[in-house]
Protein backbone atom coordinates (compact mmCIF):
# COMPACT_ATOMS: atom_id res chain seq x y z
CA MET A 1 -19.34 -35.71 -92.03
CA SER A 2 -20.46 -32.13 -91.85
CA LEU A 3 -22.24 -29.99 -94.48
CA SER A 4 -19.43 -27.59 -94.95
CA TRP A 5 -19.29 -25.30 -98.02
CA GLN A 6 -16.60 -27.68 -99.45
CA THR A 7 -18.97 -30.66 -99.09
CA LEU A 8 -21.85 -28.77 -100.63
CA LEU A 9 -19.68 -27.71 -103.52
CA ALA A 10 -18.41 -31.22 -104.02
CA VAL A 11 -22.04 -32.56 -104.13
CA GLY A 12 -23.08 -29.74 -106.54
CA LEU A 13 -20.18 -30.27 -108.96
CA GLY A 14 -20.56 -34.06 -108.74
CA GLY A 15 -24.34 -33.67 -109.49
CA PHE A 16 -23.74 -31.42 -112.40
CA LEU A 17 -21.28 -33.87 -113.97
CA GLY A 18 -23.54 -36.88 -113.17
CA ALA A 19 -26.54 -35.24 -114.68
CA VAL A 20 -24.59 -34.32 -117.83
CA ALA A 21 -23.13 -37.89 -118.00
CA ARG A 22 -26.59 -39.36 -117.61
CA ALA A 23 -28.09 -37.15 -120.42
CA TYR A 24 -25.27 -38.03 -122.73
CA VAL A 25 -25.21 -41.77 -122.03
CA VAL A 26 -28.98 -42.08 -122.25
CA HIS A 27 -29.09 -40.16 -125.55
CA MET A 28 -26.21 -42.12 -127.14
CA THR A 29 -27.61 -45.44 -125.96
CA ASN A 30 -31.13 -44.80 -127.12
CA LYS A 31 -29.85 -43.54 -130.45
CA HIS A 32 -27.83 -46.66 -131.10
CA PHE A 33 -30.35 -49.07 -129.62
CA PRO A 34 -33.75 -47.69 -130.67
CA ILE A 35 -36.00 -50.33 -128.90
CA ASP A 36 -39.09 -49.92 -126.79
CA LEU A 37 -37.23 -50.81 -123.53
CA PRO A 38 -35.49 -47.73 -122.06
CA VAL A 39 -32.04 -49.19 -122.42
CA GLY A 40 -30.22 -45.94 -121.71
CA ILE A 41 -31.84 -45.65 -118.27
CA LEU A 42 -31.07 -49.40 -117.58
CA LEU A 43 -27.41 -48.78 -118.50
CA VAL A 44 -26.90 -45.73 -116.27
CA ASN A 45 -28.65 -47.58 -113.36
CA VAL A 46 -26.53 -50.80 -113.76
CA VAL A 47 -23.19 -49.00 -114.35
CA GLY A 48 -23.94 -46.49 -111.57
CA SER A 49 -24.77 -49.36 -109.18
CA PHE A 50 -21.50 -51.21 -110.11
CA ILE A 51 -19.51 -48.00 -109.44
CA ILE A 52 -21.22 -47.41 -106.08
CA GLY A 53 -20.36 -51.01 -105.10
CA CYS A 54 -16.66 -50.39 -106.06
CA LEU A 55 -16.65 -47.10 -104.10
CA PHE A 56 -18.04 -48.68 -100.92
CA ALA A 57 -15.35 -51.34 -101.09
CA ILE A 58 -12.78 -48.49 -101.29
CA ILE A 59 -14.58 -46.65 -98.46
CA ALA A 60 -14.49 -49.84 -96.34
CA HIS A 61 -10.66 -49.72 -96.54
CA ASN A 62 -10.63 -45.92 -95.65
CA MET A 63 -9.11 -44.92 -98.97
CA ILE A 64 -11.36 -42.07 -99.84
CA SER A 65 -11.90 -38.60 -98.17
CA ASP A 66 -15.31 -37.37 -97.10
CA ILE A 67 -15.29 -34.68 -99.71
CA THR A 68 -14.41 -37.13 -102.51
CA LYS A 69 -17.18 -39.43 -101.24
CA SER A 70 -19.64 -36.62 -101.28
CA PHE A 71 -18.54 -35.64 -104.86
CA LEU A 72 -18.73 -39.22 -106.25
CA ILE A 73 -21.57 -40.86 -104.30
CA THR A 74 -23.99 -38.15 -103.41
CA GLY A 75 -23.29 -35.88 -106.27
CA PHE A 76 -22.17 -37.70 -109.37
CA LEU A 77 -23.92 -41.05 -108.77
CA GLY A 78 -26.92 -39.44 -107.25
CA ALA A 79 -27.36 -37.55 -110.55
CA LEU A 80 -26.28 -40.30 -112.86
CA THR A 81 -28.65 -43.00 -111.67
CA THR A 82 -32.21 -42.33 -112.42
CA TYR A 83 -34.67 -44.11 -110.23
CA SER A 84 -37.27 -41.49 -110.61
CA THR A 85 -37.14 -41.76 -114.38
CA PHE A 86 -37.09 -45.49 -114.03
CA ALA A 87 -40.32 -45.23 -111.99
CA ILE A 88 -42.23 -43.02 -114.56
CA GLU A 89 -40.95 -45.06 -117.53
CA SER A 90 -42.03 -48.27 -115.90
CA PHE A 91 -45.45 -46.82 -115.30
CA PHE A 92 -45.81 -45.90 -118.88
CA LEU A 93 -44.48 -49.21 -120.17
CA LEU A 94 -46.95 -51.07 -117.94
CA GLN A 95 -49.75 -49.08 -119.52
CA SER A 96 -48.63 -50.00 -123.05
CA SER A 97 -47.10 -53.36 -122.53
CA PHE A 98 -47.30 -55.37 -119.26
CA PHE A 99 -44.35 -57.51 -120.43
CA LEU A 100 -42.04 -54.67 -121.18
CA GLY A 101 -42.99 -52.92 -117.94
CA ILE A 102 -42.25 -56.00 -115.83
CA THR A 103 -39.14 -56.72 -117.84
CA ASN A 104 -37.85 -53.19 -117.28
CA MET A 105 -38.55 -53.34 -113.57
CA PHE A 106 -36.93 -56.80 -113.11
CA LEU A 107 -33.76 -55.79 -115.05
CA ASN A 108 -33.35 -52.41 -113.27
CA LEU A 109 -34.00 -53.88 -109.84
CA PHE A 110 -32.04 -57.03 -109.98
CA GLY A 111 -29.40 -55.79 -112.49
CA THR A 112 -28.47 -52.82 -110.18
CA ILE A 113 -28.35 -55.02 -107.05
CA LEU A 114 -26.15 -57.51 -108.92
CA ALA A 115 -23.90 -54.72 -110.37
CA ALA A 116 -23.45 -53.09 -106.86
CA ALA A 117 -22.59 -56.42 -105.26
CA SER A 118 -20.22 -57.26 -108.13
CA GLY A 119 -18.46 -53.92 -107.87
CA TYR A 120 -18.13 -54.23 -104.08
CA LYS A 121 -16.91 -57.86 -104.20
CA LEU A 122 -14.52 -57.16 -107.07
CA LEU A 123 -12.83 -54.13 -105.41
CA HIS A 124 -12.95 -55.70 -102.04
CA PHE A 125 -11.04 -58.65 -103.45
CA LEU A 126 -8.53 -56.56 -105.34
CA ILE A 127 -7.80 -54.22 -102.44
CA LYS A 128 -7.03 -57.02 -99.95
């Protein structure tokens, strides 16, 4: 895949939409679930991981173009999922509550791996 202007545009547009989606989902989730654990960040990380698993199953069957892949994976999901935010929130949680910090790290790490694997396996099974 080359970095043509179409690819860069696809990444940029996907990134814009992913960042807006992240801001909205995190805001709405935290508004409706006002607890100390950053549930909004957990939600976007787990859902984003599930979606990337699904997309890689589709890619494995050559059903997606390079431009679409750049838009969805590098752009949209790159901006939607928030591991840098996860890192700093985990750091601050560890300072205030070791239990919440460890819980947040465990749920994000293993939740996203499980979600990515589930998305991949589900779509791989359905596409066959």
